[in-house]
Amino acid sequence: MLRRKKSKLESFLNFNRYKKRRGAENYEQIFKEIDYTKLKNDIIPGDSPKQFQSYMIKDLNEHMVHLKTGFAGKSELLYYHAQLIVLLRRGADVKSNFLLFDDLWKNESDFLCANLNMRWLIAAADTFIDHDADAITSALMLNAVILINTIKLYETERYLYNIESKQSKDYDLEKLDPISKNCFDLFDELPSFRVGVDDTLRNMRWRIEAIAQSRPLAHQLLLEVFDRVNKHDSVYKRFRECHQKPRTAWWSG
C-alpha cells in the first residue's frame, strides 16, 4: 500500500527534519560570494573514487564532508551543485537555495551537462521537479527521471537474474530476426519493440524535441540524459547496435 506523503503541517511539526538541517545557515554565508569561473577551475584534491556510496548522515556538516569525497579529482563547481541539492532536500532556506540552484543552471548548464554524472543529472532533474514553479519545466524533467529509473530497474533485475552477457552480439538470432518483422505481446497487448527497424524511439525523440523547445534548460538536460543512455550500456545502446534502418534512427551523430 502506498504510503502517503506527509502534509505541510506534519512536516512542520517533524522535529527530526529541523535536526537534519542544523548548521545550514553557515552555508548561506559561504554561498554569498560564489565565483563560477573559480569553482570550475578549482579541482578537489585526491583521486576520484571508483564507486562512491552516498550515505544519509543526519549531521549536515558530516554529510557534506562525506559527500565531498565523492568529488575528489573533480571541479569544485560540481560539489557546490551537490551541496545545493542536499540543502534543498533537507528543507534549508528553500527559496534562497533554489534561486542559487536555478541561477547556477542558467549560467553553467553546458558545463554541468558535460561534467555531471548520471546520478547528479537526475538529482538535478528531481530538484527542478520539486521546486520549479513552472509546471511544464517540471513535467519535462520528469521524463528524464522516468527514463533513468526504468533503466535502473531492469538493469538491476538483469543482475539478479545472473545474466552474464550484456552485449548485442550475443542475442539469439533465431529470436532477433523474426521480431524485426512481427511483434509479440509483452503484456496487456503491448507490442514488443521491432529491433532493427522500429520507429518508436525516433518518434519519441521527435516529440521530446518538439515539446521541450519552449523550455531550453529542461530541453538541454533531458536530451543530455537521452543521448547518454544511447552511448552507455543500456538497452538503448544495444538496440542501437542492431538498428538497420537509417530513416528510423533515434540517436544523435
Protein backbone atom coordinates (compact mmCIF):
# COMPACT_ATOMS: atom_id res chain seq x y z
CA MET A 1 0.00 0.00 0.00
CA LEU A 2 1.40 3.38 -1.00
CA ARG A 3 2.40 5.47 1.98
CA ARG A 4 1.07 8.98 1.61
CA LYS A 5 3.36 11.99 1.57
CA LYS A 6 3.39 13.98 4.79
CA SER A 7 1.23 17.09 4.86
CA LYS A 8 2.85 20.51 5.22
CA LEU A 9 1.67 20.64 8.84
CA GLU A 10 3.15 17.21 9.60
CA SER A 11 6.44 18.24 8.01
CA PHE A 12 6.42 21.49 10.01
CA LEU A 13 5.98 19.56 13.26
CA ASN A 14 8.63 16.95 12.39
CA PHE A 15 11.49 17.79 14.78
CA ASN A 16 13.85 15.36 13.04
CA ARG A 17 13.66 17.48 9.90
CA TYR A 18 14.98 20.50 11.79
CA LYS A 19 17.83 18.46 13.25
CA LYS A 20 18.91 17.36 9.75
CA ARG A 21 19.35 20.94 8.57
CA ARG A 22 21.04 22.29 11.69
CA GLY A 23 24.07 24.32 10.61
CA ALA A 24 22.63 25.21 7.20
CA GLU A 25 22.94 28.92 7.99
CA ASN A 26 26.73 28.57 7.77
CA TYR A 27 26.43 27.73 4.08
CA GLU A 28 24.38 30.86 3.44
CA GLN A 29 27.45 32.94 4.25
CA ILE A 30 29.75 30.73 2.15
CA PHE A 31 27.43 30.89 -0.86
CA LYS A 32 27.09 34.69 -0.83
CA GLU A 33 30.24 35.22 -2.87
CA ILE A 34 30.29 32.36 -5.35
CA ASP A 35 32.58 32.71 -8.36
CA TYR A 36 31.58 30.17 -11.02
CA THR A 37 34.80 30.53 -13.01
CA LYS A 38 36.97 29.98 -9.96
CA LEU A 39 34.95 26.99 -8.81
CA LYS A 40 35.09 25.44 -12.29
CA ASN A 41 38.86 25.69 -12.33
CA ASP A 42 39.46 24.60 -8.73
CA ILE A 43 39.90 20.83 -8.54
CA ILE A 44 39.17 18.98 -5.30
CA PRO A 45 42.35 17.17 -4.17
CA GLY A 46 42.53 13.38 -4.30
CA ASP A 47 41.71 10.58 -6.70
CA SER A 48 38.17 10.09 -7.91
CA PRO A 49 36.63 7.04 -6.17
CA LYS A 50 35.71 4.14 -8.42
CA GLN A 51 32.34 3.58 -6.78
CA PHE A 52 31.21 6.23 -4.33
CA GLN A 53 28.48 5.20 -1.92
CA SER A 54 26.45 8.09 -0.54
CA TYR A 55 25.13 7.57 2.97
CA MET A 56 22.44 9.64 4.62
CA ILE A 57 24.21 11.16 7.62
CA LYS A 58 21.89 13.13 9.90
CA ASP A 59 24.51 15.73 10.85
CA LEU A 60 24.60 18.17 7.93
CA ASN A 61 28.28 19.10 8.20
CA GLU A 62 29.37 15.46 8.46
CA HIS A 63 27.22 14.64 5.45
CA MET A 64 28.80 17.45 3.40
CA VAL A 65 32.33 16.25 4.30
CA HIS A 66 31.41 12.70 3.26
CA LEU A 67 29.80 13.96 0.07
CA LYS A 68 32.93 15.89 -0.91
CA THR A 69 34.99 12.69 -1.03
CA GLY A 70 32.84 11.62 -3.97
CA PHE A 71 34.05 14.65 -5.94
CA ALA A 72 37.78 14.14 -5.43
CA GLY A 73 39.64 14.95 -8.63
CA LYS A 74 36.67 16.91 -9.97
CA SER A 75 35.66 20.56 -10.21
CA GLU A 76 34.52 22.38 -7.09
CA LEU A 77 31.53 23.63 -9.07
CA LEU A 78 30.13 20.09 -9.21
CA TYR A 79 30.43 19.82 -5.44
CA TYR A 80 28.72 23.19 -5.00
CA HIS A 81 25.88 21.90 -7.17
CA ALA A 82 25.57 18.82 -4.94
CA GLN A 83 25.62 20.95 -1.78
CA LEU A 84 22.68 23.00 -3.01
CA ILE A 85 20.71 19.82 -3.69
CA VAL A 86 21.46 18.50 -0.19
CA LEU A 87 20.31 21.74 1.41
CA LEU A 88 17.11 21.76 -0.64
CA ARG A 89 16.36 18.14 0.22
CA ARG A 90 16.75 18.99 3.89
CA GLY A 91 14.41 21.95 3.53
CA ALA A 92 17.02 24.58 4.39
CA ASP A 93 16.08 28.10 3.22
CA VAL A 94 14.39 26.57 0.21
CA LYS A 95 13.52 29.78 -1.60
CA SER A 96 17.04 31.23 -1.48
CA ASN A 97 18.83 27.97 -2.21
CA PHE A 98 16.63 27.18 -5.18
CA LEU A 99 17.33 30.62 -6.60
CA LEU A 100 21.05 29.80 -6.32
CA PHE A 101 20.46 26.39 -7.91
CA ASP A 102 18.41 27.86 -10.75
CA ASP A 103 20.98 30.60 -11.36
CA LEU A 104 23.76 28.01 -11.49
CA TRP A 105 21.95 26.04 -14.16
CA LYS A 106 21.02 29.11 -16.18
CA ASN A 107 24.66 30.24 -16.26
CA GLU A 108 26.54 26.95 -16.34
CA SER A 109 24.23 24.40 -17.97
CA ASP A 110 26.79 23.48 -20.64
CA PHE A 111 29.46 22.75 -18.05
CA LEU A 112 27.06 20.84 -15.80
CA CYS A 113 25.68 18.70 -18.62
CA ALA A 114 29.18 17.90 -19.82
CA ASN A 115 30.62 17.05 -16.40
CA LEU A 116 27.91 15.78 -14.06
CA ASN A 117 27.48 12.03 -13.93
CA MET A 118 24.07 10.46 -14.43
CA ARG A 119 23.37 10.31 -10.72
CA TRP A 120 23.68 14.08 -10.32
CA LEU A 121 21.94 14.90 -13.60
CA ILE A 122 18.89 13.03 -12.32
CA ALA A 123 19.25 14.64 -8.88
CA ALA A 124 19.15 17.99 -10.68
CA ALA A 125 16.03 16.97 -12.59
CA ASP A 126 14.38 15.87 -9.31
CA THR A 127 15.24 19.25 -7.80
CA PHE A 128 13.59 21.15 -10.63
CA ILE A 129 10.53 18.91 -10.32
CA ASP A 130 10.27 19.58 -6.59
CA HIS A 131 10.89 23.33 -6.61
CA ASP A 132 10.39 24.97 -10.01
CA ALA A 133 7.18 26.99 -10.17
CA ASP A 134 6.81 26.23 -13.87
CA ALA A 135 4.75 23.04 -14.21
CA ILE A 136 5.91 22.49 -17.81
CA THR A 137 9.57 22.51 -16.79
CA SER A 138 8.80 20.03 -14.01
CA ALA A 139 6.88 17.77 -16.38
CA LEU A 140 9.72 17.78 -18.90
CA MET A 141 12.29 16.98 -16.21
CA LEU A 142 10.10 14.09 -15.04
CA ASN A 143 10.65 12.43 -18.43
CA ALA A 144 14.37 12.15 -17.68
CA VAL A 145 13.69 10.72 -14.23
CA ILE A 146 11.22 8.11 -15.51
CA LEU A 147 13.61 7.08 -18.28
CA ILE A 148 16.56 6.53 -15.94
CA ASN A 149 14.52 4.90 -13.16
CA THR A 150 13.14 2.41 -15.68
CA ILE A 151 16.64 1.57 -16.90
CA LYS A 152 17.84 1.29 -13.29
CA LEU A 153 15.08 -1.22 -12.52
CA TYR A 154 15.55 -3.55 -15.46
CA GLU A 155 19.37 -3.46 -15.36
CA THR A 156 19.24 -4.33 -11.64
CA GLU A 157 16.86 -7.17 -12.45
CA ARG A 158 19.26 -8.44 -15.13
CA TYR A 159 21.95 -8.58 -12.46
CA LEU A 160 19.65 -10.52 -10.13
CA TYR A 161 18.87 -13.00 -12.92
CA ASN A 162 22.65 -13.54 -13.20
CA ILE A 163 22.64 -12.77 -16.92
CA GLU A 164 26.33 -12.63 -17.75
CA SER A 165 26.19 -11.35 -21.31
CA LYS A 166 25.05 -7.77 -21.90
CA GLN A 167 26.23 -7.38 -25.48
CA SER A 168 24.06 -7.18 -28.57
CA LYS A 169 26.32 -9.68 -30.39
CA ASP A 170 25.10 -12.37 -28.00
CA TYR A 171 21.41 -12.01 -28.85
CA ASP A 172 19.66 -15.16 -30.00
CA LEU A 173 19.42 -14.64 -33.78
CA GLU A 174 16.56 -17.13 -34.03
CA LYS A 175 14.55 -14.73 -31.88
CA LEU A 176 16.06 -11.46 -33.10
CA ASP A 177 15.37 -11.81 -36.81
CA PRO A 178 11.64 -12.69 -36.58
CA ILE A 179 10.73 -9.83 -34.24
CA SER A 180 12.08 -7.25 -36.66
CA LYS A 181 9.09 -8.18 -38.83
CA ASN A 182 6.43 -9.30 -36.37
CA CYS A 183 5.87 -8.07 -32.83
CA PHE A 184 4.81 -10.26 -29.94
CA ASP A 185 2.76 -9.14 -26.95
CA LEU A 186 4.71 -8.23 -23.83
CA PHE A 187 1.71 -7.73 -21.52
CA ASP A 188 -1.77 -6.25 -21.80
CA GLU A 189 -1.48 -6.34 -25.62
CA LEU A 190 1.61 -4.11 -25.53
CA PRO A 191 3.61 -4.97 -28.67
CA SER A 192 7.32 -5.71 -28.43
CA PHE A 193 9.99 -3.47 -29.96
CA ARG A 194 10.89 -4.42 -33.55
CA VAL A 195 14.65 -4.49 -33.14
CA GLY A 196 16.45 -3.15 -36.20
CA VAL A 197 13.63 -1.20 -37.81
CA ASP A 198 11.20 0.18 -35.21
CA ASP A 199 10.34 3.90 -35.37
CA THR A 200 9.07 4.11 -31.76
CA LEU A 201 12.19 5.70 -30.31
CA ARG A 202 12.73 8.02 -33.26
CA ASN A 203 9.18 9.33 -32.87
CA MET A 204 9.70 9.67 -29.12
CA ARG A 205 12.87 11.67 -29.77
CA TRP A 206 10.99 13.95 -32.17
CA ARG A 207 8.29 14.51 -29.54
CA ILE A 208 10.90 15.35 -26.91
CA GLU A 209 12.45 17.87 -29.28
CA ALA A 210 9.10 19.46 -30.11
CA ILE A 211 7.56 19.67 -26.65
CA ALA A 212 10.74 20.85 -24.90
CA GLN A 213 11.64 23.71 -27.24
CA SER A 214 9.86 26.30 -25.11
CA ARG A 215 11.96 25.40 -22.04
CA PRO A 216 15.61 25.48 -23.16
CA LEU A 217 17.11 24.36 -19.86
CA ALA A 218 14.79 21.37 -19.48
CA HIS A 219 15.33 20.61 -23.18
CA GLN A 220 19.11 20.57 -22.71
CA LEU A 221 19.11 18.37 -19.59
CA LEU A 222 16.54 15.94 -20.94
CA LEU A 223 18.36 15.43 -24.24
CA GLU A 224 21.69 15.05 -22.43
CA VAL A 225 20.20 12.19 -20.44
CA PHE A 226 18.63 10.68 -23.55
CA ASP A 227 21.89 10.88 -25.50
CA ARG A 228 23.83 9.23 -22.70
CA VAL A 229 21.60 6.18 -22.47
CA ASN A 230 22.35 5.61 -26.15
CA LYS A 231 26.11 5.74 -25.53
CA HIS A 232 26.43 3.84 -22.26
CA ASP A 233 25.50 0.25 -21.52
CA SER A 234 21.72 0.05 -21.66
CA VAL A 235 19.11 -1.49 -23.93
CA TYR A 236 19.09 1.75 -25.95
CA LYS A 237 22.75 1.29 -26.86
CA ARG A 238 22.39 -2.45 -27.50
CA PHE A 239 19.38 -1.99 -29.78
CA ARG A 240 21.13 0.91 -31.49
CA GLU A 241 23.92 -1.51 -32.42
CA CYS A 242 21.33 -3.76 -34.08
CA HIS A 243 19.50 -1.00 -35.93
CA GLN A 244 19.44 -1.34 -39.72
CA LYS A 245 17.03 1.31 -40.96
CA PRO A 246 18.69 4.79 -41.07
CA ARG A 247 15.37 6.58 -41.52
CA THR A 248 14.19 5.43 -38.08
CA ALA A 249 17.42 6.09 -36.15
CA TRP A 250 16.72 7.84 -32.84
CA TRP A 251 20.20 8.92 -31.67
CA SER A 252 22.36 11.95 -32.44
CA GLY A 253 25.52 11.78 -34.52
